[in-house]
Amino acid sequence: MSESPSSPDVAQIERLVHAYTQHVAAGDLESVADLFVHGGVSGDAHPEPAMGRAAVRELYAATLASGGEGPRRLRVVTTDLEIDIDSAASTATCASRFVVYPSDPNVTDTVLFEGRYLDQFALFDGKWAFTRRHVALDVTNHDAVQREGVQLG
């Protein structure tokens, strides 16, 4: 059962989806991991999910390793959120699209990845939280990914 777009639940889920993007852009692995205290992350490059905060942090530390100071920062644009809430079950899903660019804001013509996030959520103490994120890659610019040093899995 879908809720209306003005629903406070929809707004809370949208904030979670966009918080992920902000944390990745900031290279803030602790905050990325905090989003998955009740869940896990899988992807085309790593189909077995990393479950729980520690495993998700480890996954992103490897994926965003920069070889320098701190994790690699990537610019992620997430669009086309389609949220479906099952109020009776206190669960929700969200399918969205993403484009990932290198961290350098002067590089605007290079796309690293394009794909879809397939998210699942549940209510915990009245607040929505991720229970699963699957990263489905539709397009990978292998040359640019290698140049940027991003590890896929």
C-alpha atoms as a PDB file:
ATOM      1  CA  MET A   1       0.000   0.000   0.000  1.00  0.00           C
ATOM      2  CA  SER A   2       1.600   3.270  -1.047  1.00  0.00           C
ATOM      3  CA  GLU A   3       1.395   6.338   1.108  1.00  0.00           C
ATOM      4  CA  SER A   4       0.846   9.829  -0.223  1.00  0.00           C
ATOM      5  CA  PRO A   5       4.010  11.747  -1.163  1.00  0.00           C
ATOM      6  CA  SER A   6       3.416  14.193   1.697  1.00  0.00           C
ATOM      7  CA  SER A   7       3.461  11.429   4.290  1.00  0.00           C
ATOM      8  CA  PRO A   8       5.898  11.988   7.178  1.00  0.00           C
ATOM      9  CA  ASP A   9       7.026   8.369   6.706  1.00  0.00           C
ATOM     10  CA  VAL A  10       7.929   9.038   3.089  1.00  0.00           C
ATOM     11  CA  ALA A  11       9.853  12.155   4.112  1.00  0.00           C
ATOM     12  CA  GLN A  12      11.785  10.208   6.758  1.00  0.00           C
ATOM     13  CA  ILE A  13      12.748   7.510   4.228  1.00  0.00           C
ATOM     14  CA  GLU A  14      13.782  10.154   1.691  1.00  0.00           C
ATOM     15  CA  ARG A  15      16.032  11.712   4.352  1.00  0.00           C
ATOM     16  CA  LEU A  16      17.693   8.340   4.987  1.00  0.00           C
ATOM     17  CA  VAL A  17      18.352   7.779   1.280  1.00  0.00           C
ATOM     18  CA  HIS A  18      19.854  11.248   0.904  1.00  0.00           C
ATOM     19  CA  ALA A  19      21.829  10.979   4.170  1.00  0.00           C
ATOM     20  CA  TYR A  20      23.666   8.033   2.644  1.00  0.00           C
ATOM     21  CA  THR A  21      24.644  10.206  -0.335  1.00  0.00           C
ATOM     22  CA  GLN A  22      25.856  13.016   1.943  1.00  0.00           C
ATOM     23  CA  HIS A  23      27.933  10.659   4.100  1.00  0.00           C
ATOM     24  CA  VAL A  24      29.599   9.042   1.076  1.00  0.00           C
ATOM     25  CA  ALA A  25      30.379  12.507  -0.349  1.00  0.00           C
ATOM     26  CA  ALA A  26      31.946  13.507   2.973  1.00  0.00           C
ATOM     27  CA  GLY A  27      33.915  10.267   3.240  1.00  0.00           C
ATOM     28  CA  ASP A  28      32.198   9.737   6.610  1.00  0.00           C
ATOM     29  CA  LEU A  29      32.352   5.959   6.984  1.00  0.00           C
ATOM     30  CA  GLU A  30      31.112   6.018  10.576  1.00  0.00           C
ATOM     31  CA  SER A  31      27.887   7.741   9.547  1.00  0.00           C
ATOM     32  CA  VAL A  32      27.436   5.431   6.548  1.00  0.00           C
ATOM     33  CA  ALA A  33      27.785   2.453   8.899  1.00  0.00           C
ATOM     34  CA  ASP A  34      25.360   4.022  11.396  1.00  0.00           C
ATOM     35  CA  LEU A  35      22.654   3.894   8.728  1.00  0.00           C
ATOM     36  CA  PHE A  36      22.897   0.081   8.688  1.00  0.00           C
ATOM     37  CA  VAL A  37      22.780  -0.787  12.387  1.00  0.00           C
ATOM     38  CA  HIS A  38      19.626  -2.825  11.622  1.00  0.00           C
ATOM     39  CA  GLY A  39      20.587  -3.960   8.145  1.00  0.00           C
ATOM     40  CA  GLY A  40      23.103  -4.719   5.490  1.00  0.00           C
ATOM     41  CA  VAL A  41      24.449  -3.836   2.074  1.00  0.00           C
ATOM     42  CA  SER A  42      24.882  -6.050  -0.959  1.00  0.00           C
ATOM     43  CA  GLY A  43      25.603  -5.306  -4.570  1.00  0.00           C
ATOM     44  CA  ASP A  44      26.282  -6.766  -7.953  1.00  0.00           C
ATOM     45  CA  ALA A  45      30.006  -6.680  -7.078  1.00  0.00           C
ATOM     46  CA  HIS A  46      29.454  -8.238  -3.620  1.00  0.00           C
ATOM     47  CA  PRO A  47      26.216 -10.283  -3.629  1.00  0.00           C
ATOM     48  CA  GLU A  48      26.655 -11.619  -0.082  1.00  0.00           C
ATOM     49  CA  PRO A  49      25.401  -8.825   2.150  1.00  0.00           C
ATOM     50  CA  ALA A  50      27.625  -7.148   4.699  1.00  0.00           C
ATOM     51  CA  MET A  51      25.282  -7.268   7.708  1.00  0.00           C
ATOM     52  CA  GLY A  52      25.387  -4.873  10.639  1.00  0.00           C
ATOM     53  CA  ARG A  53      27.284  -1.718  11.391  1.00  0.00           C
ATOM     54  CA  ALA A  54      30.798  -3.199  11.656  1.00  0.00           C
ATOM     55  CA  ALA A  55      30.548  -5.253   8.463  1.00  0.00           C
ATOM     56  CA  VAL A  56      29.131  -2.307   6.492  1.00  0.00           C
ATOM     57  CA  ARG A  57      31.907  -0.030   7.756  1.00  0.00           C
ATOM     58  CA  GLU A  58      34.498  -2.610   6.702  1.00  0.00           C
ATOM     59  CA  LEU A  59      32.897  -2.919   3.246  1.00  0.00           C
ATOM     60  CA  TYR A  60      32.958   0.848   2.680  1.00  0.00           C
ATOM     61  CA  ALA A  61      36.481   1.190   4.084  1.00  0.00           C
ATOM     62  CA  ALA A  62      37.642  -1.287   1.415  1.00  0.00           C
ATOM     63  CA  THR A  63      35.490   0.190  -1.356  1.00  0.00           C
ATOM     64  CA  LEU A  64      36.478   3.791  -0.653  1.00  0.00           C
ATOM     65  CA  ALA A  65      40.106   3.200   0.352  1.00  0.00           C
ATOM     66  CA  SER A  66      42.189   6.029  -1.042  1.00  0.00           C
ATOM     67  CA  GLY A  67      45.731   5.058  -0.136  1.00  0.00           C
ATOM     68  CA  GLY A  68      46.045   8.543   1.311  1.00  0.00           C
ATOM     69  CA  GLU A  69      44.501  10.299   4.254  1.00  0.00           C
ATOM     70  CA  GLY A  70      40.950   9.261   4.906  1.00  0.00           C
ATOM     71  CA  PRO A  71      38.520   7.477   2.615  1.00  0.00           C
ATOM     72  CA  ARG A  72      37.869   8.446  -0.985  1.00  0.00           C
ATOM     73  CA  ARG A  73      34.973  10.827  -1.425  1.00  0.00           C
ATOM     74  CA  LEU A  74      32.556  10.335  -4.279  1.00  0.00           C
ATOM     75  CA  ARG A  75      29.767  12.561  -5.533  1.00  0.00           C
ATOM     76  CA  VAL A  76      26.549  10.559  -5.697  1.00  0.00           C
ATOM     77  CA  VAL A  77      23.342  11.899  -7.218  1.00  0.00           C
ATOM     78  CA  THR A  78      20.236   9.907  -6.254  1.00  0.00           C
ATOM     79  CA  THR A  79      16.965  10.487  -8.105  1.00  0.00           C
ATOM     80  CA  ASP A  80      13.601   8.980  -8.976  1.00  0.00           C
ATOM     81  CA  LEU A  81      12.769   7.635  -5.516  1.00  0.00           C
ATOM     82  CA  GLU A  82       9.794   5.267  -5.630  1.00  0.00           C
ATOM     83  CA  ILE A  83       8.737   4.551  -2.071  1.00  0.00           C
ATOM     84  CA  ASP A  84       6.166   1.939  -1.132  1.00  0.00           C
ATOM     85  CA  ILE A  85       5.093   1.648   2.507  1.00  0.00           C
ATOM     86  CA  ASP A  86       3.296  -1.325   3.999  1.00  0.00           C
ATOM     87  CA  SER A  87       1.847   0.264   7.137  1.00  0.00           C
ATOM     88  CA  ALA A  88       0.412  -3.013   8.431  1.00  0.00           C
ATOM     89  CA  ALA A  89       3.830  -4.707   8.341  1.00  0.00           C
ATOM     90  CA  SER A  90       5.795  -1.561   9.340  1.00  0.00           C
ATOM     91  CA  THR A  91       8.069  -2.081   6.341  1.00  0.00           C
ATOM     92  CA  ALA A  92       8.876  -0.115   3.216  1.00  0.00           C
ATOM     93  CA  THR A  93      10.807  -0.372  -0.006  1.00  0.00           C
ATOM     94  CA  CYS A  94      12.428   2.295  -2.131  1.00  0.00           C
ATOM     95  CA  ALA A  95      13.819   1.939  -5.627  1.00  0.00           C
ATOM     96  CA  SER A  96      15.939   4.823  -6.865  1.00  0.00           C
ATOM     97  CA  ARG A  97      18.514   5.635  -9.512  1.00  0.00           C
ATOM     98  CA  PHE A  98      22.028   6.910  -8.907  1.00  0.00           C
ATOM     99  CA  VAL A  99      24.984   8.361 -10.777  1.00  0.00           C
ATOM    100  CA  VAL A 100      28.452   8.453  -9.191  1.00  0.00           C
ATOM    101  CA  TYR A 101      31.073  11.023 -10.154  1.00  0.00           C
ATOM    102  CA  PRO A 102      34.707  11.478  -9.013  1.00  0.00           C
ATOM    103  CA  SER A 103      35.200  13.612  -5.930  1.00  0.00           C
ATOM    104  CA  ASP A 104      36.836  16.467  -7.850  1.00  0.00           C
ATOM    105  CA  PRO A 105      34.060  19.024  -8.438  1.00  0.00           C
ATOM    106  CA  ASN A 106      35.914  20.265 -11.537  1.00  0.00           C
ATOM    107  CA  VAL A 107      35.407  16.871 -13.217  1.00  0.00           C
ATOM    108  CA  THR A 108      31.828  17.127 -14.389  1.00  0.00           C
ATOM    109  CA  ASP A 109      31.955  15.033 -17.547  1.00  0.00           C
ATOM    110  CA  THR A 110      33.135  11.713 -16.077  1.00  0.00           C
ATOM    111  CA  VAL A 111      30.654   9.200 -14.722  1.00  0.00           C
ATOM    112  CA  LEU A 112      32.049   6.310 -12.690  1.00  0.00           C
ATOM    113  CA  PHE A 113      28.821   4.327 -12.269  1.00  0.00           C
ATOM    114  CA  GLU A 114      25.132   4.428 -13.002  1.00  0.00           C
ATOM    115  CA  GLY A 115      22.670   2.124 -11.356  1.00  0.00           C
ATOM    116  CA  ARG A 116      19.818   1.515  -8.968  1.00  0.00           C
ATOM    117  CA  TYR A 117      19.474   1.299  -5.217  1.00  0.00           C
ATOM    118  CA  LEU A 118      16.957  -1.300  -4.104  1.00  0.00           C
ATOM    119  CA  ASP A 119      16.270  -0.494  -0.469  1.00  0.00           C
ATOM    120  CA  GLN A 120      14.252  -2.084   2.306  1.00  0.00           C
ATOM    121  CA  PHE A 121      13.283  -0.387   5.551  1.00  0.00           C
ATOM    122  CA  ALA A 122      11.512  -1.220   8.788  1.00  0.00           C
ATOM    123  CA  LEU A 123      10.276   0.743  11.767  1.00  0.00           C
ATOM    124  CA  PHE A 124      12.392   0.487  14.933  1.00  0.00           C
ATOM    125  CA  ASP A 125      11.030   2.342  17.959  1.00  0.00           C
ATOM    126  CA  GLY A 126       8.908   4.500  15.658  1.00  0.00           C
ATOM    127  CA  LYS A 127      11.762   5.485  13.316  1.00  0.00           C
ATOM    128  CA  TRP A 128      12.519   4.137   9.854  1.00  0.00           C
ATOM    129  CA  ALA A 129      15.871   2.437   9.310  1.00  0.00           C
ATOM    130  CA  PHE A 130      17.557   0.592   6.482  1.00  0.00           C
ATOM    131  CA  THR A 131      17.270  -3.176   6.675  1.00  0.00           C
ATOM    132  CA  ARG A 132      18.863  -3.757   3.271  1.00  0.00           C
ATOM    133  CA  ARG A 133      20.419  -1.858   0.401  1.00  0.00           C
ATOM    134  CA  HIS A 134      21.291  -3.624  -2.829  1.00  0.00           C
ATOM    135  CA  VAL A 135      23.464  -1.679  -5.260  1.00  0.00           C
ATOM    136  CA  ALA A 136      22.643  -2.740  -8.821  1.00  0.00           C
ATOM    137  CA  LEU A 137      25.185  -1.450 -11.321  1.00  0.00           C
ATOM    138  CA  ASP A 138      23.796  -0.729 -14.772  1.00  0.00           C
ATOM    139  CA  VAL A 139      26.839   1.046 -16.251  1.00  0.00           C
ATOM    140  CA  THR A 140      30.448   1.004 -15.066  1.00  0.00           C
ATOM    141  CA  ASN A 141      33.107   3.215 -16.642  1.00  0.00           C
ATOM    142  CA  HIS A 142      35.977   0.796 -15.946  1.00  0.00           C
ATOM    143  CA  ASP A 143      38.727   3.185 -17.115  1.00  0.00           C
ATOM    144  CA  ALA A 144      37.496   5.999 -14.868  1.00  0.00           C
ATOM    145  CA  VAL A 145      36.943   3.624 -11.935  1.00  0.00           C
ATOM    146  CA  GLN A 146      40.525   2.375 -12.272  1.00  0.00           C
ATOM    147  CA  ARG A 147      41.870   5.954 -12.504  1.00  0.00           C
ATOM    148  CA  GLU A 148      39.939   6.895  -9.358  1.00  0.00           C
ATOM    149  CA  GLY A 149      41.053   3.725  -7.565  1.00  0.00           C
ATOM    150  CA  VAL A 150      37.573   2.696  -6.473  1.00  0.00           C
ATOM    151  CA  GLN A 151      37.336  -0.956  -5.411  1.00  0.00           C
ATOM    152  CA  LEU A 152      34.089  -2.665  -6.392  1.00  0.00           C
ATOM    153  CA  GLY A 153      34.123  -5.584  -4.024  1.00  0.00           C
END
